[in-house]
N, C-alpha and C. Protein backbone atom coordinates (compact mmCIF):
# COMPACT_ATOMS: atom_id res chain seq x y z
N UNK A 1 -5.60 25.09 13.36
CA UNK A 1 -5.40 23.66 13.21
C UNK A 1 -6.32 22.94 14.21
N UNK A 2 -7.05 21.95 13.73
CA UNK A 2 -7.95 21.20 14.60
C UNK A 2 -7.13 20.30 15.53
N UNK A 3 -7.79 19.73 16.53
CA UNK A 3 -7.11 18.86 17.47
C UNK A 3 -6.54 17.62 16.77
N UNK A 4 -7.32 17.02 15.88
CA UNK A 4 -6.83 15.83 15.18
C UNK A 4 -5.66 16.18 14.25
N UNK A 5 -5.71 17.35 13.63
CA UNK A 5 -4.60 17.77 12.77
C UNK A 5 -3.33 17.98 13.59
N UNK A 6 -3.47 18.59 14.76
CA UNK A 6 -2.31 18.82 15.63
C UNK A 6 -1.70 17.49 16.07
N UNK A 7 -2.55 16.57 16.52
CA UNK A 7 -2.04 15.27 16.96
C UNK A 7 -1.43 14.49 15.79
N UNK A 8 -2.03 14.60 14.62
CA UNK A 8 -1.47 13.94 13.43
C UNK A 8 -0.11 14.51 13.08
N UNK A 9 0.00 15.83 13.13
CA UNK A 9 1.27 16.50 12.85
C UNK A 9 2.34 16.02 13.83
N UNK A 10 2.00 16.01 15.12
CA UNK A 10 2.94 15.56 16.15
C UNK A 10 3.34 14.10 15.93
N UNK A 11 2.36 13.27 15.58
CA UNK A 11 2.63 11.85 15.33
C UNK A 11 3.63 11.70 14.18
N UNK A 12 3.33 12.32 13.03
CA UNK A 12 4.20 12.19 11.86
C UNK A 12 5.58 12.76 12.12
N UNK A 13 5.65 13.88 12.81
CA UNK A 13 6.94 14.51 13.11
C UNK A 13 7.84 13.53 13.86
N UNK A 14 7.28 12.82 14.82
CA UNK A 14 8.04 11.85 15.61
C UNK A 14 8.25 10.54 14.85
N UNK A 15 7.17 9.95 14.35
CA UNK A 15 7.21 8.60 13.79
C UNK A 15 8.01 8.51 12.48
N UNK A 16 7.96 9.54 11.65
CA UNK A 16 8.74 9.51 10.42
C UNK A 16 10.23 9.62 10.72
N UNK A 17 10.57 10.32 11.80
CA UNK A 17 11.98 10.45 12.20
C UNK A 17 12.51 9.21 12.89
N UNK A 18 11.70 8.58 13.73
CA UNK A 18 12.21 7.43 14.50
C UNK A 18 11.98 6.09 13.80
N UNK A 19 11.38 6.12 12.60
CA UNK A 19 11.22 4.89 11.82
C UNK A 19 10.04 4.03 12.19
N UNK A 20 9.13 4.54 13.04
CA UNK A 20 7.96 3.74 13.40
C UNK A 20 6.80 3.96 12.42
N UNK A 21 7.03 4.76 11.39
CA UNK A 21 6.02 4.96 10.35
C UNK A 21 6.74 5.26 9.04
N UNK A 22 6.24 4.68 7.97
CA UNK A 22 6.71 5.00 6.62
C UNK A 22 5.49 5.45 5.84
N UNK A 23 5.63 6.52 5.09
CA UNK A 23 4.54 7.02 4.25
C UNK A 23 5.06 7.29 2.85
N UNK A 24 4.24 6.96 1.87
CA UNK A 24 4.55 7.28 0.49
C UNK A 24 3.51 8.26 -0.02
N UNK A 25 3.99 9.31 -0.68
CA UNK A 25 3.13 10.25 -1.39
C UNK A 25 3.43 10.03 -2.86
N UNK A 26 2.42 9.73 -3.65
CA UNK A 26 2.60 9.39 -5.05
C UNK A 26 2.22 10.59 -5.91
N UNK A 27 3.12 10.95 -6.83
CA UNK A 27 2.90 12.10 -7.70
C UNK A 27 3.00 11.68 -9.16
N UNK A 28 2.24 12.36 -10.00
CA UNK A 28 2.38 12.30 -11.45
C UNK A 28 2.87 13.68 -11.84
N UNK A 29 4.16 13.83 -12.02
CA UNK A 29 4.73 15.16 -12.19
C UNK A 29 4.59 15.93 -10.89
N UNK A 30 3.92 17.07 -10.95
CA UNK A 30 3.66 17.88 -9.75
C UNK A 30 2.29 17.61 -9.15
N UNK A 31 1.57 16.64 -9.69
CA UNK A 31 0.19 16.37 -9.28
C UNK A 31 0.14 15.19 -8.29
N UNK A 32 -0.35 15.45 -7.07
CA UNK A 32 -0.52 14.39 -6.08
C UNK A 32 -1.63 13.45 -6.54
N UNK A 33 -1.33 12.13 -6.56
CA UNK A 33 -2.34 11.17 -7.02
C UNK A 33 -2.65 10.06 -6.02
N UNK A 34 -1.82 9.89 -4.99
CA UNK A 34 -2.11 8.83 -4.03
C UNK A 34 -1.17 8.81 -2.85
N UNK A 35 -1.51 7.98 -1.88
CA UNK A 35 -0.70 7.85 -0.68
C UNK A 35 -0.95 6.50 -0.02
N UNK A 36 -0.06 6.15 0.87
CA UNK A 36 -0.22 4.97 1.70
C UNK A 36 0.82 5.02 2.81
N UNK A 37 0.50 4.39 3.93
CA UNK A 37 1.43 4.40 5.05
C UNK A 37 1.39 3.10 5.83
N UNK A 38 2.41 2.90 6.64
CA UNK A 38 2.47 1.74 7.52
C UNK A 38 3.10 2.16 8.83
N UNK A 39 2.48 1.74 9.93
CA UNK A 39 3.01 1.98 11.27
C UNK A 39 3.53 0.68 11.85
N UNK A 40 4.61 0.78 12.59
CA UNK A 40 5.24 -0.38 13.22
C UNK A 40 5.10 -0.26 14.72
N UNK A 41 4.78 -1.39 15.37
CA UNK A 41 4.64 -1.36 16.82
C UNK A 41 4.98 -2.72 17.40
N UNK A 42 5.15 -2.74 18.70
CA UNK A 42 5.56 -3.93 19.42
C UNK A 42 4.44 -4.38 20.35
N UNK A 43 4.17 -5.68 20.36
CA UNK A 43 3.23 -6.28 21.31
C UNK A 43 3.96 -7.43 22.00
N UNK A 44 3.30 -8.02 22.97
CA UNK A 44 3.86 -9.18 23.66
C UNK A 44 4.09 -10.31 22.65
N UNK A 45 5.27 -10.91 22.63
CA UNK A 45 5.52 -12.03 21.71
C UNK A 45 4.55 -13.20 21.97
N UNK A 46 4.23 -13.91 20.90
CA UNK A 46 3.37 -15.09 20.97
C UNK A 46 4.03 -16.20 20.15
N UNK A 47 3.50 -17.40 20.24
CA UNK A 47 4.03 -18.49 19.42
C UNK A 47 3.83 -18.20 17.94
N UNK A 48 2.74 -17.52 17.60
CA UNK A 48 2.46 -17.17 16.21
C UNK A 48 3.35 -16.02 15.74
N UNK A 49 3.75 -15.15 16.66
CA UNK A 49 4.58 -13.99 16.34
C UNK A 49 5.66 -13.84 17.41
N UNK A 50 6.73 -14.65 17.34
CA UNK A 50 7.74 -14.68 18.40
C UNK A 50 8.45 -13.35 18.66
N UNK A 51 8.54 -12.48 17.65
CA UNK A 51 9.21 -11.19 17.85
C UNK A 51 8.28 -10.17 18.51
N UNK A 52 6.97 -10.36 18.33
CA UNK A 52 6.01 -9.39 18.83
C UNK A 52 5.91 -8.14 17.97
N UNK A 53 6.68 -8.09 16.88
CA UNK A 53 6.65 -6.92 16.00
C UNK A 53 5.46 -7.03 15.05
N UNK A 54 4.75 -5.91 14.89
CA UNK A 54 3.58 -5.88 14.03
C UNK A 54 3.60 -4.63 13.16
N UNK A 55 2.86 -4.70 12.08
CA UNK A 55 2.72 -3.55 11.18
C UNK A 55 1.24 -3.36 10.86
N UNK A 56 0.87 -2.10 10.69
CA UNK A 56 -0.51 -1.76 10.37
C UNK A 56 -0.52 -0.82 9.17
N UNK A 57 -1.08 -1.29 8.06
CA UNK A 57 -1.20 -0.50 6.83
C UNK A 57 -2.36 0.48 7.00
N UNK A 58 -2.15 1.72 6.58
CA UNK A 58 -3.20 2.73 6.75
C UNK A 58 -3.10 3.82 5.68
N UNK A 59 -4.15 4.61 5.63
CA UNK A 59 -4.18 5.82 4.79
C UNK A 59 -3.93 5.54 3.31
N UNK A 60 -4.43 4.41 2.83
CA UNK A 60 -4.31 4.11 1.40
C UNK A 60 -5.35 4.95 0.65
N UNK A 61 -4.88 5.67 -0.35
CA UNK A 61 -5.78 6.52 -1.12
C UNK A 61 -5.20 6.72 -2.51
N UNK A 62 -6.06 6.66 -3.52
CA UNK A 62 -5.70 7.03 -4.88
C UNK A 62 -6.78 7.96 -5.41
N UNK A 63 -6.35 9.05 -6.02
CA UNK A 63 -7.31 10.00 -6.60
C UNK A 63 -8.21 9.27 -7.60
N UNK A 64 -9.51 9.59 -7.59
CA UNK A 64 -10.45 8.84 -8.44
C UNK A 64 -10.04 8.71 -9.90
N UNK A 65 -9.51 9.77 -10.50
CA UNK A 65 -9.15 9.70 -11.92
C UNK A 65 -7.87 8.91 -12.18
N UNK A 66 -7.21 8.43 -11.13
CA UNK A 66 -6.00 7.61 -11.28
C UNK A 66 -6.23 6.17 -10.82
N UNK A 67 -7.44 5.84 -10.45
CA UNK A 67 -7.73 4.48 -9.97
C UNK A 67 -7.75 3.48 -11.13
N UNK A 68 -7.55 2.20 -10.77
CA UNK A 68 -7.54 1.08 -11.73
C UNK A 68 -6.33 1.15 -12.66
N UNK A 69 -5.23 1.76 -12.17
CA UNK A 69 -4.00 1.84 -12.96
C UNK A 69 -2.83 1.17 -12.25
N UNK A 70 -3.12 0.49 -11.13
CA UNK A 70 -2.07 -0.22 -10.41
C UNK A 70 -1.32 0.60 -9.38
N UNK A 71 -1.72 1.85 -9.18
CA UNK A 71 -1.02 2.72 -8.24
C UNK A 71 -1.16 2.22 -6.81
N UNK A 72 -2.37 1.89 -6.40
CA UNK A 72 -2.58 1.41 -5.03
C UNK A 72 -1.86 0.08 -4.80
N UNK A 73 -1.89 -0.80 -5.78
CA UNK A 73 -1.21 -2.09 -5.65
C UNK A 73 0.29 -1.89 -5.48
N UNK A 74 0.87 -1.01 -6.29
CA UNK A 74 2.31 -0.74 -6.20
C UNK A 74 2.65 -0.08 -4.86
N UNK A 75 1.81 0.83 -4.40
CA UNK A 75 2.03 1.48 -3.10
C UNK A 75 1.99 0.44 -1.99
N UNK A 76 0.97 -0.42 -2.02
CA UNK A 76 0.85 -1.49 -1.03
C UNK A 76 2.07 -2.41 -1.09
N UNK A 77 2.52 -2.74 -2.27
CA UNK A 77 3.68 -3.60 -2.44
C UNK A 77 4.93 -2.96 -1.82
N UNK A 78 5.13 -1.67 -2.04
CA UNK A 78 6.29 -0.99 -1.44
C UNK A 78 6.21 -1.01 0.08
N UNK A 79 5.02 -0.75 0.62
CA UNK A 79 4.85 -0.76 2.08
C UNK A 79 5.13 -2.14 2.67
N UNK A 80 4.64 -3.17 2.00
CA UNK A 80 4.84 -4.53 2.50
C UNK A 80 6.31 -4.94 2.38
N UNK A 81 6.96 -4.55 1.29
CA UNK A 81 8.39 -4.85 1.16
C UNK A 81 9.20 -4.15 2.24
N UNK A 82 8.88 -2.89 2.53
CA UNK A 82 9.55 -2.17 3.62
C UNK A 82 9.35 -2.89 4.95
N UNK A 83 8.14 -3.37 5.15
CA UNK A 83 7.80 -4.07 6.39
C UNK A 83 8.60 -5.37 6.51
N UNK A 84 8.63 -6.14 5.45
CA UNK A 84 9.37 -7.41 5.47
C UNK A 84 10.87 -7.19 5.63
N UNK A 85 11.39 -6.08 5.10
CA UNK A 85 12.82 -5.76 5.28
C UNK A 85 13.15 -5.52 6.75
N UNK A 86 12.17 -5.15 7.54
CA UNK A 86 12.36 -4.96 8.98
C UNK A 86 12.16 -6.27 9.74
N UNK A 87 11.91 -7.36 9.00
CA UNK A 87 11.71 -8.66 9.63
C UNK A 87 10.33 -8.83 10.23
N UNK A 88 9.39 -8.00 9.82
CA UNK A 88 8.03 -8.06 10.36
C UNK A 88 7.14 -8.82 9.38
N UNK A 89 6.47 -9.84 9.88
CA UNK A 89 5.58 -10.64 9.03
C UNK A 89 4.12 -10.55 9.46
N UNK A 90 3.85 -9.96 10.61
CA UNK A 90 2.47 -9.79 11.07
C UNK A 90 1.98 -8.42 10.60
N UNK A 91 1.19 -8.43 9.53
CA UNK A 91 0.74 -7.19 8.88
C UNK A 91 -0.78 -7.20 8.83
N UNK A 92 -1.39 -6.12 9.29
CA UNK A 92 -2.85 -6.03 9.27
C UNK A 92 -3.29 -4.68 8.72
N UNK A 93 -4.57 -4.58 8.45
CA UNK A 93 -5.17 -3.35 7.97
C UNK A 93 -6.68 -3.44 8.14
N UNK A 94 -7.35 -2.31 8.01
CA UNK A 94 -8.81 -2.27 7.94
C UNK A 94 -9.16 -1.94 6.50
N UNK A 95 -10.07 -2.72 5.93
CA UNK A 95 -10.42 -2.54 4.53
C UNK A 95 -11.81 -1.93 4.38
N UNK A 96 -11.89 -0.93 3.53
CA UNK A 96 -13.20 -0.43 3.13
C UNK A 96 -13.75 -1.37 2.06
N UNK A 97 -15.02 -1.25 1.76
CA UNK A 97 -15.61 -2.08 0.71
C UNK A 97 -14.89 -1.85 -0.61
N UNK A 98 -14.51 -0.60 -0.88
CA UNK A 98 -13.83 -0.27 -2.13
C UNK A 98 -12.42 -0.86 -2.17
N UNK A 99 -11.73 -0.87 -1.03
CA UNK A 99 -10.36 -1.35 -1.00
C UNK A 99 -10.21 -2.85 -0.86
N UNK A 100 -11.25 -3.52 -0.38
CA UNK A 100 -11.17 -4.96 -0.10
C UNK A 100 -10.65 -5.79 -1.28
N UNK A 101 -11.14 -5.58 -2.52
CA UNK A 101 -10.63 -6.40 -3.63
C UNK A 101 -9.11 -6.26 -3.84
N UNK A 102 -8.58 -5.06 -3.64
CA UNK A 102 -7.13 -4.85 -3.76
C UNK A 102 -6.39 -5.70 -2.73
N UNK A 103 -6.83 -5.65 -1.48
CA UNK A 103 -6.14 -6.36 -0.41
C UNK A 103 -6.27 -7.88 -0.58
N UNK A 104 -7.44 -8.33 -1.02
CA UNK A 104 -7.63 -9.76 -1.27
C UNK A 104 -6.74 -10.23 -2.42
N UNK A 105 -6.62 -9.40 -3.46
CA UNK A 105 -5.75 -9.73 -4.59
C UNK A 105 -4.31 -9.88 -4.11
N UNK A 106 -3.90 -9.07 -3.15
CA UNK A 106 -2.53 -9.13 -2.63
C UNK A 106 -2.33 -10.34 -1.71
N UNK A 107 -3.42 -10.88 -1.17
CA UNK A 107 -3.31 -12.06 -0.31
C UNK A 107 -3.83 -11.87 1.11
N UNK A 108 -4.35 -10.69 1.43
CA UNK A 108 -4.93 -10.48 2.75
C UNK A 108 -6.23 -11.28 2.86
N UNK A 109 -6.51 -11.78 4.05
CA UNK A 109 -7.75 -12.51 4.30
C UNK A 109 -8.50 -11.83 5.44
N UNK A 110 -9.82 -11.92 5.37
CA UNK A 110 -10.66 -11.32 6.40
C UNK A 110 -10.54 -12.13 7.69
N UNK A 111 -10.36 -11.43 8.79
CA UNK A 111 -10.26 -12.07 10.11
C UNK A 111 -11.49 -11.66 10.91
N UNK A 112 -12.13 -12.61 11.56
CA UNK A 112 -13.39 -12.32 12.24
C UNK A 112 -13.28 -12.27 13.76
N UNK A 113 -12.12 -12.54 14.32
CA UNK A 113 -12.02 -12.65 15.77
C UNK A 113 -11.72 -11.33 16.48
N UNK A 114 -11.25 -10.34 15.78
CA UNK A 114 -10.85 -9.09 16.43
C UNK A 114 -12.07 -8.30 16.88
N UNK A 115 -11.95 -7.67 18.03
CA UNK A 115 -13.02 -6.84 18.58
C UNK A 115 -12.41 -5.53 19.06
N UNK A 116 -13.24 -4.52 19.22
CA UNK A 116 -12.80 -3.22 19.69
C UNK A 116 -13.82 -2.65 20.66
N UNK A 117 -13.35 -2.06 21.74
CA UNK A 117 -14.23 -1.41 22.71
C UNK A 117 -14.42 0.03 22.27
N UNK A 118 -15.64 0.40 21.97
CA UNK A 118 -15.96 1.77 21.57
C UNK A 118 -16.59 2.49 22.74
N UNK A 119 -16.02 3.60 23.10
CA UNK A 119 -16.55 4.36 24.24
C UNK A 119 -17.16 5.66 23.78
């Protein structure tokens, strides 16, 4: 097992049990066709987000031969509904060029102010 696989395994083992991550695996019968996940975390409360609770959508994937059938949209919808049930309204994600139309259709908007320090 690679280092990233080990850390991923440890993350999922903890986060799926303690409720800080929800993941959906989508199947057509016994055939895996897609996935999506959301992680929940806490930051300092702000006037824009008084609870400080945030969610981050990740790992959205649909097998190529199952794309354009609404699977990713439904997966995203389930993740967002789960998030809102927790009272979390601050939801973000990183969009690939391929995924951007899906997220825009759902109502996500591109934000230009975020920065990241790469070392």
